[in-house]
Amino acid sequence: MRAFWTIFWSLLLINMVSYVVANMQGDTYNYVLASIIAIVFSVLVMLIGEALPNEPAEKH
């Protein structure tokens, strides 16, 4: 379920940012490119989340 929501929100937010930036620059909006970037971003976020330890840091 975490993967679904991560992909959902990354698709939504990155496509929104891509649309706004493309319009501000007077360029055309490319849904496919923005979606590919969103998928890559969400995979990176999930990999970083799995790599970080869940245990609290030990006190020295």
Protein backbone atom coordinates (compact mmCIF):
# COMPACT_ATOMS: atom_id res chain seq x y z
CA MET A 1 0.00 0.00 0.00
CA ARG A 2 2.93 2.34 0.68
CA ALA A 3 4.16 1.81 -2.88
CA PHE A 4 0.76 2.70 -4.31
CA TRP A 5 0.51 5.97 -2.38
CA THR A 6 4.12 6.88 -3.14
CA ILE A 7 3.57 6.39 -6.87
CA PHE A 8 0.18 8.12 -6.75
CA TRP A 9 1.45 11.26 -5.04
CA SER A 10 4.65 11.44 -7.07
CA LEU A 11 2.66 11.17 -10.31
CA LEU A 12 0.23 13.83 -9.14
CA LEU A 13 2.78 16.32 -7.82
CA ILE A 14 5.45 15.94 -10.49
CA ASN A 15 2.90 16.20 -13.31
CA MET A 16 1.47 19.32 -11.67
CA VAL A 17 4.92 20.91 -11.36
CA SER A 18 5.79 19.91 -14.92
CA TYR A 19 2.57 21.48 -16.23
CA VAL A 20 3.13 24.75 -14.37
CA VAL A 21 6.79 25.04 -15.37
CA ALA A 22 6.02 24.23 -19.01
CA ASN A 23 3.33 26.91 -19.12
CA MET A 24 5.55 29.49 -17.43
CA GLN A 25 8.25 28.87 -20.03
CA GLY A 26 5.78 28.86 -22.92
CA ASP A 27 6.66 25.28 -23.75
CA THR A 28 4.39 22.29 -24.37
CA TYR A 29 3.41 19.97 -21.51
CA ASN A 30 4.70 16.42 -21.93
CA TYR A 31 2.68 13.98 -19.79
CA VAL A 32 4.78 10.93 -20.70
CA LEU A 33 8.09 12.53 -19.75
CA ALA A 34 6.68 13.85 -16.47
CA SER A 35 5.24 10.43 -15.64
CA ILE A 36 8.56 8.69 -16.35
CA ILE A 37 10.33 11.15 -14.05
CA ALA A 38 7.67 10.54 -11.38
CA ILE A 39 8.10 6.76 -11.57
CA VAL A 40 11.90 7.04 -11.32
CA PHE A 41 11.52 9.45 -8.40
CA SER A 42 9.11 7.15 -6.56
CA VAL A 43 11.40 4.13 -7.04
CA LEU A 44 14.32 6.14 -5.64
CA VAL A 45 12.23 7.24 -2.65
CA MET A 46 11.20 3.65 -1.94
CA LEU A 47 14.81 2.41 -2.22
CA ILE A 48 16.06 5.11 0.13
CA GLY A 49 13.25 4.28 2.56
CA GLU A 50 14.25 0.61 2.57
CA ALA A 51 17.95 1.40 2.98
CA LEU A 52 17.53 3.58 6.06
CA PRO A 53 17.57 1.68 9.36
CA ASN A 54 14.44 1.56 11.52
CA GLU A 55 16.27 1.16 14.82
CA PRO A 56 16.93 4.23 16.94
CA ALA A 57 20.49 5.48 17.06
CA GLU A 58 22.60 4.13 19.91
CA LYS A 59 23.77 6.60 22.52
CA HIS A 60 27.51 6.74 23.10
